Amino acid sequence: MKKYLLMPMFMALFAFTKVDAAPLDAYYCFSTEDPQAVVQKFDNFLTSENAKGLPTIRLWSMLLNGESPETHCVVFSHPSGDSFEKSGLVFQSQEGQDFLQDLYSVSIDGLEGAGTPMLNFGDVDFEANKYIALFNVRVKNTKRYGEVFSEFMSSGGLPGSVTLYQDTFTGEDNRTHYIVMSGPSVDSIRDSISSKFGSPEGQKFQKNSSKVRKLLSTNLMFLVKSWNN
């Protein structure tokens, strides 16, 4: 079932749910064999008057994501639940429906959901740090994990930024949280992972966090393009 058919159901959900003014990153992942056509279709719609009022939108290429079939994910960085609702109205319009139908003529929809940023370290600047490592985790004790995660990340040595998200709506099977580590290159991220986890602080973190969380998978992504920055 295509997302342009599902959007009214999303709107119905929020009609019965109180959403606080907290950021919400909604992600919609898909597969395509024509990425250039996808970018062109996003350009045509997102730069038009019909897309007025939408938040910052980023298109990511899934460079390495194991057995998952998705090739790309588009992320809407909503500053609040109200922003999500307003975006829903944009895509319920005739122009929004036409765009989605056109987009899915060259793509197949997949994983979707939304995450709430809980903790951030470093400056989030994806234009300067276009590569990200995505760590998918299942957390048993959120409060305790937040404590050990904060202690570890406060030791510094980041290539760009690191943000811990709660997977608030749907998302990957068994995942409760995900971590986004950005950097200007693949090597910068690899070096940071190696040095941080190999340090005494990293060894302590792994020991303490293993009691409250399980690492499910690690993906590599690249920023293709962003709109409304």
C-alpha atoms as a PDB file:
ATOM      1  CA  MET A   1       0.000   0.000   0.000  1.00  0.00           C
ATOM      2  CA  LYS A   2       1.452   3.338  -1.024  1.00  0.00           C
ATOM      3  CA  LYS A   3       2.136   6.144   1.443  1.00  0.00           C
ATOM      4  CA  TYR A   4      -0.258   8.510  -0.307  1.00  0.00           C
ATOM      5  CA  LEU A   5      -3.021   6.099   0.718  1.00  0.00           C
ATOM      6  CA  LEU A   6      -1.677   5.759   4.259  1.00  0.00           C
ATOM      7  CA  MET A   7      -1.406   9.476   5.015  1.00  0.00           C
ATOM      8  CA  PRO A   8      -5.057   9.850   6.143  1.00  0.00           C
ATOM      9  CA  MET A   9      -4.444   7.049   8.658  1.00  0.00           C
ATOM     10  CA  PHE A  10      -1.432   8.931  10.045  1.00  0.00           C
ATOM     11  CA  MET A  11      -3.569  12.038  10.419  1.00  0.00           C
ATOM     12  CA  ALA A  12      -6.250  10.039  12.248  1.00  0.00           C
ATOM     13  CA  LEU A  13      -3.619   8.734  14.660  1.00  0.00           C
ATOM     14  CA  PHE A  14      -2.547  12.235  15.643  1.00  0.00           C
ATOM     15  CA  ALA A  15      -6.147  13.375  16.023  1.00  0.00           C
ATOM     16  CA  PHE A  16      -6.330  11.116  19.087  1.00  0.00           C
ATOM     17  CA  THR A  17      -2.784  11.603  20.383  1.00  0.00           C
ATOM     18  CA  LYS A  18      -1.429  14.559  22.344  1.00  0.00           C
ATOM     19  CA  VAL A  19       1.917  15.503  20.822  1.00  0.00           C
ATOM     20  CA  ASP A  20       4.209  17.757  22.839  1.00  0.00           C
ATOM     21  CA  ALA A  21       6.347  20.397  21.138  1.00  0.00           C
ATOM     22  CA  ALA A  22       9.352  18.095  20.780  1.00  0.00           C
ATOM     23  CA  PRO A  23      11.344  17.381  17.601  1.00  0.00           C
ATOM     24  CA  LEU A  24      10.229  14.410  15.530  1.00  0.00           C
ATOM     25  CA  ASP A  25      12.253  12.991  12.645  1.00  0.00           C
ATOM     26  CA  ALA A  26       9.889  11.082  10.341  1.00  0.00           C
ATOM     27  CA  TYR A  27      11.657   8.705   7.973  1.00  0.00           C
ATOM     28  CA  TYR A  28      10.345   7.013   4.848  1.00  0.00           C
ATOM     29  CA  CYS A  29      12.638   4.469   3.210  1.00  0.00           C
ATOM     30  CA  PHE A  30      12.284   2.985  -0.259  1.00  0.00           C
ATOM     31  CA  SER A  31      14.057   1.127  -3.052  1.00  0.00           C
ATOM     32  CA  THR A  32      14.740   2.505  -6.503  1.00  0.00           C
ATOM     33  CA  GLU A  33      16.715   1.583  -9.596  1.00  0.00           C
ATOM     34  CA  ASP A  34      16.671   5.177 -10.839  1.00  0.00           C
ATOM     35  CA  PRO A  35      18.056   7.449  -8.083  1.00  0.00           C
ATOM     36  CA  GLN A  36      18.550  10.389 -10.431  1.00  0.00           C
ATOM     37  CA  ALA A  37      14.867  10.353 -11.338  1.00  0.00           C
ATOM     38  CA  VAL A  38      13.974  10.290  -7.636  1.00  0.00           C
ATOM     39  CA  VAL A  39      16.089  13.377  -6.945  1.00  0.00           C
ATOM     40  CA  GLN A  40      14.543  15.180  -9.889  1.00  0.00           C
ATOM     41  CA  LYS A  41      11.017  14.425  -8.706  1.00  0.00           C
ATOM     42  CA  PHE A  42      11.834  15.663  -5.197  1.00  0.00           C
ATOM     43  CA  ASP A  43      13.385  18.807  -6.696  1.00  0.00           C
ATOM     44  CA  ASN A  44      10.322  19.524  -8.811  1.00  0.00           C
ATOM     45  CA  PHE A  45       7.906  19.264  -5.895  1.00  0.00           C
ATOM     46  CA  LEU A  46       9.922  20.530  -2.920  1.00  0.00           C
ATOM     47  CA  THR A  47      11.002  23.725  -4.691  1.00  0.00           C
ATOM     48  CA  SER A  48       7.443  24.549  -5.758  1.00  0.00           C
ATOM     49  CA  GLU A  49       4.812  26.644  -3.985  1.00  0.00           C
ATOM     50  CA  ASN A  50       2.834  23.454  -3.385  1.00  0.00           C
ATOM     51  CA  ALA A  51       5.437  22.324  -0.818  1.00  0.00           C
ATOM     52  CA  LYS A  52       5.395  25.558   1.164  1.00  0.00           C
ATOM     53  CA  GLY A  53       5.487  24.968   4.909  1.00  0.00           C
ATOM     54  CA  LEU A  54       7.416  21.699   4.873  1.00  0.00           C
ATOM     55  CA  PRO A  55      10.368  21.338   7.298  1.00  0.00           C
ATOM     56  CA  THR A  56      13.976  20.491   6.480  1.00  0.00           C
ATOM     57  CA  ILE A  57      14.000  17.357   4.329  1.00  0.00           C
ATOM     58  CA  ARG A  58      17.058  15.197   3.661  1.00  0.00           C
ATOM     59  CA  LEU A  59      17.465  12.372   1.174  1.00  0.00           C
ATOM     60  CA  TRP A  60      19.922   9.688   2.296  1.00  0.00           C
ATOM     61  CA  SER A  61      21.477   6.893   0.271  1.00  0.00           C
ATOM     62  CA  MET A  62      21.735   3.583   2.136  1.00  0.00           C
ATOM     63  CA  LEU A  63      25.274   2.639   1.151  1.00  0.00           C
ATOM     64  CA  LEU A  64      25.518  -0.417   3.415  1.00  0.00           C
ATOM     65  CA  ASN A  65      22.466  -1.799   5.228  1.00  0.00           C
ATOM     66  CA  GLY A  66      22.860  -5.568   5.214  1.00  0.00           C
ATOM     67  CA  GLU A  67      19.860  -7.596   4.076  1.00  0.00           C
ATOM     68  CA  SER A  68      17.480  -4.621   4.107  1.00  0.00           C
ATOM     69  CA  PRO A  69      16.164  -3.927   0.586  1.00  0.00           C
ATOM     70  CA  GLU A  70      15.864  -0.135   0.906  1.00  0.00           C
ATOM     71  CA  THR A  71      18.278   1.932  -1.176  1.00  0.00           C
ATOM     72  CA  HIS A  72      17.305   5.353   0.205  1.00  0.00           C
ATOM     73  CA  CYS A  73      15.570   7.068   3.116  1.00  0.00           C
ATOM     74  CA  VAL A  74      14.009  10.522   3.142  1.00  0.00           C
ATOM     75  CA  VAL A  75      13.886  12.201   6.568  1.00  0.00           C
ATOM     76  CA  PHE A  76      11.548  15.053   7.527  1.00  0.00           C
ATOM     77  CA  SER A  77      13.050  16.915  10.504  1.00  0.00           C
ATOM     78  CA  HIS A  78       9.940  18.237  12.231  1.00  0.00           C
ATOM     79  CA  PRO A  79      10.497  20.691  15.094  1.00  0.00           C
ATOM     80  CA  SER A  80       7.217  19.484  16.651  1.00  0.00           C
ATOM     81  CA  GLY A  81       4.212  17.232  16.211  1.00  0.00           C
ATOM     82  CA  ASP A  82       2.335  20.219  14.848  1.00  0.00           C
ATOM     83  CA  SER A  83       4.840  20.416  11.989  1.00  0.00           C
ATOM     84  CA  PHE A  84       4.164  16.745  11.223  1.00  0.00           C
ATOM     85  CA  GLU A  85       0.439  17.384  11.057  1.00  0.00           C
ATOM     86  CA  LYS A  86       0.880  20.374   8.739  1.00  0.00           C
ATOM     87  CA  SER A  87       3.096  18.318   6.445  1.00  0.00           C
ATOM     88  CA  GLY A  88       0.369  15.705   6.299  1.00  0.00           C
ATOM     89  CA  LEU A  89      -2.013  18.328   4.966  1.00  0.00           C
ATOM     90  CA  VAL A  90       0.485  19.257   2.241  1.00  0.00           C
ATOM     91  CA  PHE A  91       0.615  15.661   1.039  1.00  0.00           C
ATOM     92  CA  GLN A  92      -3.167  15.278   1.191  1.00  0.00           C
ATOM     93  CA  SER A  93      -3.537  18.070  -1.334  1.00  0.00           C
ATOM     94  CA  GLN A  94      -4.039  17.124  -4.980  1.00  0.00           C
ATOM     95  CA  GLU A  95      -0.517  18.319  -5.818  1.00  0.00           C
ATOM     96  CA  GLY A  96       0.936  16.280  -2.958  1.00  0.00           C
ATOM     97  CA  GLN A  97      -0.965  13.170  -4.047  1.00  0.00           C
ATOM     98  CA  ASP A  98       0.223  13.653  -7.637  1.00  0.00           C
ATOM     99  CA  PHE A  99       3.825  13.951  -6.442  1.00  0.00           C
ATOM    100  CA  LEU A 100       3.627  10.763  -4.379  1.00  0.00           C
ATOM    101  CA  GLN A 101       2.039   8.817  -7.217  1.00  0.00           C
ATOM    102  CA  ASP A 102       4.769  10.061  -9.538  1.00  0.00           C
ATOM    103  CA  LEU A 103       7.498   9.189  -7.008  1.00  0.00           C
ATOM    104  CA  TYR A 104       6.239   5.642  -6.608  1.00  0.00           C
ATOM    105  CA  SER A 105       6.325   5.093 -10.336  1.00  0.00           C
ATOM    106  CA  VAL A 106      10.118   4.732  -9.903  1.00  0.00           C
ATOM    107  CA  SER A 107      10.359   3.391  -6.336  1.00  0.00           C
ATOM    108  CA  ILE A 108       9.007   0.790  -3.905  1.00  0.00           C
ATOM    109  CA  ASP A 109       8.195   1.845  -0.368  1.00  0.00           C
ATOM    110  CA  GLY A 110       9.706   0.105   2.670  1.00  0.00           C
ATOM    111  CA  LEU A 111      10.593   0.889   6.292  1.00  0.00           C
ATOM    112  CA  GLU A 112       8.973   3.954   7.819  1.00  0.00           C
ATOM    113  CA  GLY A 113       8.605   5.480  11.260  1.00  0.00           C
ATOM    114  CA  ALA A 114       9.643   8.421  13.394  1.00  0.00           C
ATOM    115  CA  GLY A 115      12.276   9.031  16.051  1.00  0.00           C
ATOM    116  CA  THR A 116      12.649  11.614  18.787  1.00  0.00           C
ATOM    117  CA  PRO A 117      16.165  12.961  19.491  1.00  0.00           C
ATOM    118  CA  MET A 118      17.008  12.387  23.155  1.00  0.00           C
ATOM    119  CA  LEU A 119      20.706  13.303  23.499  1.00  0.00           C
ATOM    120  CA  ASN A 120      23.086  15.120  21.167  1.00  0.00           C
ATOM    121  CA  PHE A 121      26.857  15.676  21.226  1.00  0.00           C
ATOM    122  CA  GLY A 122      28.752  17.903  18.787  1.00  0.00           C
ATOM    123  CA  ASP A 123      27.412  20.233  16.106  1.00  0.00           C
ATOM    124  CA  VAL A 124      24.859  18.694  13.751  1.00  0.00           C
ATOM    125  CA  ASP A 125      25.910  19.881  10.298  1.00  0.00           C
ATOM    126  CA  PHE A 126      25.128  17.260   7.687  1.00  0.00           C
ATOM    127  CA  GLU A 127      26.224  19.537   4.854  1.00  0.00           C
ATOM    128  CA  ALA A 128      29.768  19.364   6.245  1.00  0.00           C
ATOM    129  CA  ASN A 129      29.435  15.778   7.509  1.00  0.00           C
ATOM    130  CA  LYS A 130      27.619  13.901   4.764  1.00  0.00           C
ATOM    131  CA  TYR A 131      28.431  10.376   5.953  1.00  0.00           C
ATOM    132  CA  ILE A 132      26.687   8.791   8.914  1.00  0.00           C
ATOM    133  CA  ALA A 133      26.985   5.516  10.763  1.00  0.00           C
ATOM    134  CA  LEU A 134      23.590   4.368  12.025  1.00  0.00           C
ATOM    135  CA  PHE A 135      23.625   2.090  15.075  1.00  0.00           C
ATOM    136  CA  ASN A 136      20.359   0.222  15.676  1.00  0.00           C
ATOM    137  CA  VAL A 137      19.935  -0.877  19.299  1.00  0.00           C
ATOM    138  CA  ARG A 138      17.410  -2.454  21.627  1.00  0.00           C
ATOM    139  CA  VAL A 139      17.464  -0.861  25.081  1.00  0.00           C
ATOM    140  CA  LYS A 140      16.045  -2.495  28.213  1.00  0.00           C
ATOM    141  CA  ASN A 141      16.656   0.401  30.616  1.00  0.00           C
ATOM    142  CA  THR A 142      16.427   3.755  28.867  1.00  0.00           C
ATOM    143  CA  LYS A 143      17.390   5.868  31.873  1.00  0.00           C
ATOM    144  CA  ARG A 144      20.501   3.825  32.658  1.00  0.00           C
ATOM    145  CA  TYR A 145      21.553   3.645  29.022  1.00  0.00           C
ATOM    146  CA  GLY A 146      21.220   7.416  28.707  1.00  0.00           C
ATOM    147  CA  GLU A 147      23.544   7.827  31.685  1.00  0.00           C
ATOM    148  CA  VAL A 148      26.310   5.553  30.402  1.00  0.00           C
ATOM    149  CA  PHE A 149      25.921   6.878  26.864  1.00  0.00           C
ATOM    150  CA  SER A 150      26.258  10.487  28.036  1.00  0.00           C
ATOM    151  CA  GLU A 151      29.327   9.693  30.134  1.00  0.00           C
ATOM    152  CA  PHE A 152      30.973   7.983  27.174  1.00  0.00           C
ATOM    153  CA  MET A 153      30.188  10.659  24.592  1.00  0.00           C
ATOM    154  CA  SER A 154      31.295  13.470  26.892  1.00  0.00           C
ATOM    155  CA  SER A 155      34.855  12.152  26.566  1.00  0.00           C
ATOM    156  CA  GLY A 156      35.052  13.896  23.159  1.00  0.00           C
ATOM    157  CA  GLY A 157      36.865  12.826  19.999  1.00  0.00           C
ATOM    158  CA  LEU A 158      33.907  13.019  17.603  1.00  0.00           C
ATOM    159  CA  PRO A 159      34.352  13.556  13.843  1.00  0.00           C
ATOM    160  CA  GLY A 160      31.092  15.506  13.640  1.00  0.00           C
ATOM    161  CA  SER A 161      28.087  14.803  15.847  1.00  0.00           C
ATOM    162  CA  VAL A 162      26.377  11.927  17.632  1.00  0.00           C
ATOM    163  CA  THR A 163      22.649  11.867  18.399  1.00  0.00           C
ATOM    164  CA  LEU A 164      20.666   9.250  20.309  1.00  0.00           C
ATOM    165  CA  TYR A 165      17.065   8.813  19.104  1.00  0.00           C
ATOM    166  CA  GLN A 166      14.134   6.994  20.617  1.00  0.00           C
ATOM    167  CA  ASP A 167      12.307   5.086  17.874  1.00  0.00           C
ATOM    168  CA  THR A 168       8.947   6.614  18.716  1.00  0.00           C
ATOM    169  CA  PHE A 169       6.721   5.173  15.996  1.00  0.00           C
ATOM    170  CA  THR A 170       7.105   1.766  14.259  1.00  0.00           C
ATOM    171  CA  GLY A 171      10.652   1.439  12.871  1.00  0.00           C
ATOM    172  CA  GLU A 172      12.835  -1.643  12.553  1.00  0.00           C
ATOM    173  CA  ASP A 173      11.851  -4.885  14.256  1.00  0.00           C
ATOM    174  CA  ASN A 174      13.105  -5.094  17.861  1.00  0.00           C
ATOM    175  CA  ARG A 175      14.718  -1.639  17.694  1.00  0.00           C
ATOM    176  CA  THR A 176      13.889   0.819  20.465  1.00  0.00           C
ATOM    177  CA  HIS A 177      16.612   3.417  19.788  1.00  0.00           C
ATOM    178  CA  TYR A 178      19.111   4.363  17.118  1.00  0.00           C
ATOM    179  CA  ILE A 179      22.305   6.393  17.160  1.00  0.00           C
ATOM    180  CA  VAL A 180      23.454   8.654  14.328  1.00  0.00           C
ATOM    181  CA  MET A 181      27.201   9.405  14.114  1.00  0.00           C
ATOM    182  CA  SER A 182      28.157  11.884  11.395  1.00  0.00           C
ATOM    183  CA  GLY A 183      31.522  12.617   9.798  1.00  0.00           C
ATOM    184  CA  PRO A 184      33.069  14.184   6.678  1.00  0.00           C
ATOM    185  CA  SER A 185      34.301  10.826   5.343  1.00  0.00           C
ATOM    186  CA  VAL A 186      34.044   7.084   5.853  1.00  0.00           C
ATOM    187  CA  ASP A 187      37.583   6.980   7.259  1.00  0.00           C
ATOM    188  CA  SER A 188      36.829   9.717   9.806  1.00  0.00           C
ATOM    189  CA  ILE A 189      33.902   7.674  11.141  1.00  0.00           C
ATOM    190  CA  ARG A 190      35.902   4.442  11.158  1.00  0.00           C
ATOM    191  CA  ASP A 191      38.787   6.113  12.970  1.00  0.00           C
ATOM    192  CA  SER A 192      36.439   7.617  15.546  1.00  0.00           C
ATOM    193  CA  ILE A 193      34.709   4.303  16.213  1.00  0.00           C
ATOM    194  CA  SER A 194      38.031   2.518  16.544  1.00  0.00           C
ATOM    195  CA  SER A 195      39.644   5.100  18.819  1.00  0.00           C
ATOM    196  CA  LYS A 196      36.603   5.734  21.018  1.00  0.00           C
ATOM    197  CA  PHE A 197      35.680   2.109  21.587  1.00  0.00           C
ATOM    198  CA  GLY A 198      39.314   1.126  22.030  1.00  0.00           C
ATOM    199  CA  SER A 199      39.901   3.741  24.727  1.00  0.00           C
ATOM    200  CA  PRO A 200      39.518   3.019  28.472  1.00  0.00           C
ATOM    201  CA  GLU A 201      36.272   5.033  28.382  1.00  0.00           C
ATOM    202  CA  GLY A 202      35.092   2.931  25.462  1.00  0.00           C
ATOM    203  CA  GLN A 203      35.871  -0.327  27.230  1.00  0.00           C
ATOM    204  CA  LYS A 204      33.976   0.876  30.280  1.00  0.00           C
ATOM    205  CA  PHE A 205      31.026   1.935  28.134  1.00  0.00           C
ATOM    206  CA  GLN A 206      30.829  -1.415  26.380  1.00  0.00           C
ATOM    207  CA  LYS A 207      30.885  -3.244  29.696  1.00  0.00           C
ATOM    208  CA  ASN A 208      28.221  -1.079  31.307  1.00  0.00           C
ATOM    209  CA  SER A 209      25.973  -0.735  28.258  1.00  0.00           C
ATOM    210  CA  SER A 210      25.978  -4.468  27.485  1.00  0.00           C
ATOM    211  CA  LYS A 211      23.807  -4.954  30.558  1.00  0.00           C
ATOM    212  CA  VAL A 212      21.042  -2.685  29.286  1.00  0.00           C
ATOM    213  CA  ARG A 213      21.215  -2.720  25.488  1.00  0.00           C
ATOM    214  CA  LYS A 214      21.838  -4.982  22.501  1.00  0.00           C
ATOM    215  CA  LEU A 215      23.434  -3.755  19.268  1.00  0.00           C
ATOM    216  CA  LEU A 216      21.308  -5.041  16.385  1.00  0.00           C
ATOM    217  CA  SER A 217      23.094  -3.676  13.313  1.00  0.00           C
ATOM    218  CA  THR A 218      25.230  -0.846  11.959  1.00  0.00           C
ATOM    219  CA  ASN A 219      24.471   0.902   8.647  1.00  0.00           C
ATOM    220  CA  LEU A 220      26.391   3.397   6.514  1.00  0.00           C
ATOM    221  CA  MET A 221      24.536   6.273   4.842  1.00  0.00           C
ATOM    222  CA  PHE A 222      25.356   9.263   2.646  1.00  0.00           C
ATOM    223  CA  LEU A 223      23.512  12.572   2.276  1.00  0.00           C
ATOM    224  CA  VAL A 224      22.354  12.930  -1.330  1.00  0.00           C
ATOM    225  CA  LYS A 225      20.570  16.268  -1.027  1.00  0.00           C
ATOM    226  CA  SER A 226      18.662  18.442   1.425  1.00  0.00           C
ATOM    227  CA  TRP A 227      15.849  20.967   1.049  1.00  0.00           C
ATOM    228  CA  ASN A 228      14.551  23.808   3.265  1.00  0.00           C
ATOM    229  CA  ASN A 229      17.734  24.057   5.372  1.00  0.00           C
END
